[in-house]
Amino acid sequence: MKISSTFLPQTYWDEVGGLETLSAFEVQVDNKTLVVGISVGKMVGPALDDAEVSPLAMRVVSRVIDYHQLNHLEGAPFVVAEIKGTLAAVKRVREVFRLAPHRSGLMLMCSSESVYKAAFSALCVDFNCVTLSNGQ
């Protein structure tokens, strides 16, 4: 499975007073494209409103949803996937990517910072594509 992730374009948030880069990506998985966000948090129910996440993580969720709705097919699924274990994080991310339909949106909810770091490594992020807000 070939995975390559690039950051979504920066977005302006009034709360932080400018542009910010979030953990939100356009991900190419073999021959399909996904919109993916990743954060630390947990699901306490089946709906996205049932997520227990920080304000920053909610901005990631909002960014992924907005980008997905604007740039992908109407009706394409949006899936929230929990990732609970550090040792299984990479395998779980790859499984979610394999099962996700083309042009779907995904939110990866990691149970801790260590799980986030392990899962993030599976995204194969292209850091050369990062555009900083100060023009660098």
Protein backbone atom coordinates (compact mmCIF):
# COMPACT_ATOMS: atom_id res chain seq x y z
CA MET A 1 0.00 0.00 0.00
CA LYS A 2 1.49 3.33 -1.07
CA ILE A 3 0.49 6.28 1.15
CA SER A 4 1.41 9.93 0.65
CA SER A 5 -0.07 12.81 2.67
CA THR A 6 0.09 16.54 2.09
CA PHE A 7 -1.23 19.19 4.46
CA LEU A 8 -4.48 20.88 3.50
CA PRO A 9 -4.01 24.57 2.70
CA GLN A 10 -3.75 26.79 5.75
CA THR A 11 -6.94 28.31 7.03
CA TYR A 12 -7.66 31.52 8.89
CA TRP A 13 -8.98 31.24 12.45
CA ASP A 14 -10.05 34.34 14.36
CA GLU A 15 -9.27 32.66 17.70
CA VAL A 16 -5.55 32.39 16.89
CA GLY A 17 -5.39 35.67 15.01
CA GLY A 18 -4.16 34.37 11.68
CA LEU A 19 -3.35 31.41 9.52
CA GLU A 20 -2.60 28.04 11.03
CA THR A 21 -1.54 24.66 9.72
CA LEU A 22 -3.62 21.85 11.18
CA SER A 23 -3.19 18.07 11.27
CA ALA A 24 -5.48 17.76 8.26
CA PHE A 25 -4.35 16.16 5.02
CA GLU A 26 -5.17 15.17 1.48
CA VAL A 27 -4.01 11.56 1.43
CA GLN A 28 -3.27 9.50 -1.65
CA VAL A 29 -3.64 5.78 -0.92
CA ASP A 30 -2.73 3.78 -4.00
CA ASN A 31 -5.34 4.98 -6.52
CA LYS A 32 -7.76 6.75 -4.18
CA THR A 33 -7.82 10.12 -2.46
CA LEU A 34 -9.00 10.75 1.10
CA VAL A 35 -9.31 13.80 3.34
CA VAL A 36 -7.88 12.89 6.74
CA GLY A 37 -7.61 14.60 10.11
CA ILE A 38 -5.80 13.23 13.14
CA SER A 39 -6.05 14.32 16.77
CA VAL A 40 -6.03 13.11 20.34
CA GLY A 41 -9.47 12.48 21.77
CA LYS A 42 -12.09 9.84 22.29
CA MET A 43 -15.58 8.98 21.19
CA VAL A 44 -18.20 8.59 23.90
CA GLY A 45 -21.07 7.94 21.49
CA PRO A 46 -21.76 7.28 17.81
CA ALA A 47 -22.07 10.91 16.62
CA LEU A 48 -19.28 13.39 15.94
CA ASP A 49 -20.82 15.60 18.65
CA ASP A 50 -19.98 12.80 21.08
CA ALA A 51 -16.25 13.36 20.67
CA GLU A 52 -14.24 14.48 23.69
CA VAL A 53 -11.50 16.60 22.15
CA SER A 54 -9.57 19.82 22.75
CA PRO A 55 -10.51 23.09 21.01
CA LEU A 56 -7.54 22.58 18.64
CA ALA A 57 -8.77 19.10 17.75
CA MET A 58 -12.24 20.53 17.05
CA ARG A 59 -10.61 22.95 14.58
CA VAL A 60 -9.01 19.94 12.87
CA VAL A 61 -12.41 18.21 12.70
CA SER A 62 -14.05 21.37 11.31
CA ARG A 63 -11.28 21.85 8.75
CA VAL A 64 -11.55 18.26 7.49
CA ILE A 65 -15.35 18.45 7.25
CA ASP A 66 -15.30 21.82 5.46
CA TYR A 67 -12.62 20.75 2.98
CA HIS A 68 -14.31 17.41 2.37
CA GLN A 69 -17.69 19.03 1.68
CA LEU A 70 -16.22 21.64 -0.66
CA ASN A 71 -13.86 19.42 -2.64
CA HIS A 72 -15.34 15.92 -2.72
CA LEU A 73 -18.45 14.27 -4.05
CA GLU A 74 -21.71 15.03 -2.33
CA GLY A 75 -22.67 12.04 -0.27
CA ALA A 76 -19.11 10.74 0.07
CA PRO A 77 -18.84 9.19 3.54
CA PHE A 78 -17.24 10.80 6.57
CA VAL A 79 -15.89 8.28 9.08
CA VAL A 80 -14.50 8.71 12.59
CA ALA A 81 -12.05 5.93 13.49
CA GLU A 82 -10.71 5.39 16.98
CA ILE A 83 -7.10 4.35 17.42
CA LYS A 84 -6.45 3.03 20.90
CA GLY A 85 -3.11 1.21 21.03
CA THR A 86 0.39 2.42 20.24
CA LEU A 87 1.58 -0.96 18.98
CA ALA A 88 -1.39 -1.42 16.64
CA ALA A 89 -1.69 2.22 15.51
CA VAL A 90 0.05 1.89 12.14
CA LYS A 91 -1.83 -1.31 11.33
CA ARG A 92 -5.15 0.33 12.30
CA VAL A 93 -4.50 3.43 10.15
CA ARG A 94 -3.62 1.24 7.17
CA GLU A 95 -6.76 -0.85 7.72
CA VAL A 96 -8.95 2.27 7.86
CA PHE A 97 -7.32 3.60 4.69
CA ARG A 98 -7.79 0.27 2.91
CA LEU A 99 -11.50 0.12 3.78
CA ALA A 100 -12.28 3.80 3.12
CA PRO A 101 -14.05 4.55 -0.17
CA HIS A 102 -12.40 6.89 -2.67
CA ARG A 103 -12.94 10.59 -1.82
CA SER A 104 -14.20 9.90 1.69
CA GLY A 105 -13.36 11.94 4.77
CA LEU A 106 -11.74 10.39 7.83
CA MET A 107 -11.08 11.61 11.34
CA LEU A 108 -8.53 9.53 13.23
CA MET A 109 -9.14 9.89 16.98
CA CYS A 110 -6.12 8.75 18.99
CA SER A 111 -6.47 7.78 22.63
CA SER A 112 -3.20 9.44 23.74
CA GLU A 113 -0.21 11.46 22.53
CA SER A 114 1.88 8.31 22.11
CA VAL A 115 -0.84 6.70 19.98
CA TYR A 116 -1.06 9.95 17.96
CA LYS A 117 2.69 9.87 17.25
CA ALA A 118 2.56 6.24 16.15
CA ALA A 119 -0.53 6.77 13.96
CA PHE A 120 0.91 9.99 12.49
CA SER A 121 3.92 8.03 11.23
CA ALA A 122 1.58 5.89 9.08
CA LEU A 123 0.40 8.99 7.19
CA CYS A 124 3.75 9.36 5.37
CA VAL A 125 3.46 13.16 5.47
CA ASP A 126 5.35 15.12 2.83
CA PHE A 127 6.82 17.93 4.93
CA ASN A 128 8.33 19.54 1.82
CA CYS A 129 4.82 20.72 0.87
CA VAL A 130 4.26 22.74 4.05
CA THR A 131 3.61 26.45 3.45
CA LEU A 132 4.33 28.61 6.47
CA SER A 133 2.19 31.65 7.16
CA ASN A 134 5.21 33.99 7.17
CA GLY A 135 6.05 33.08 3.57
CA GLN A 136 8.95 30.68 4.26
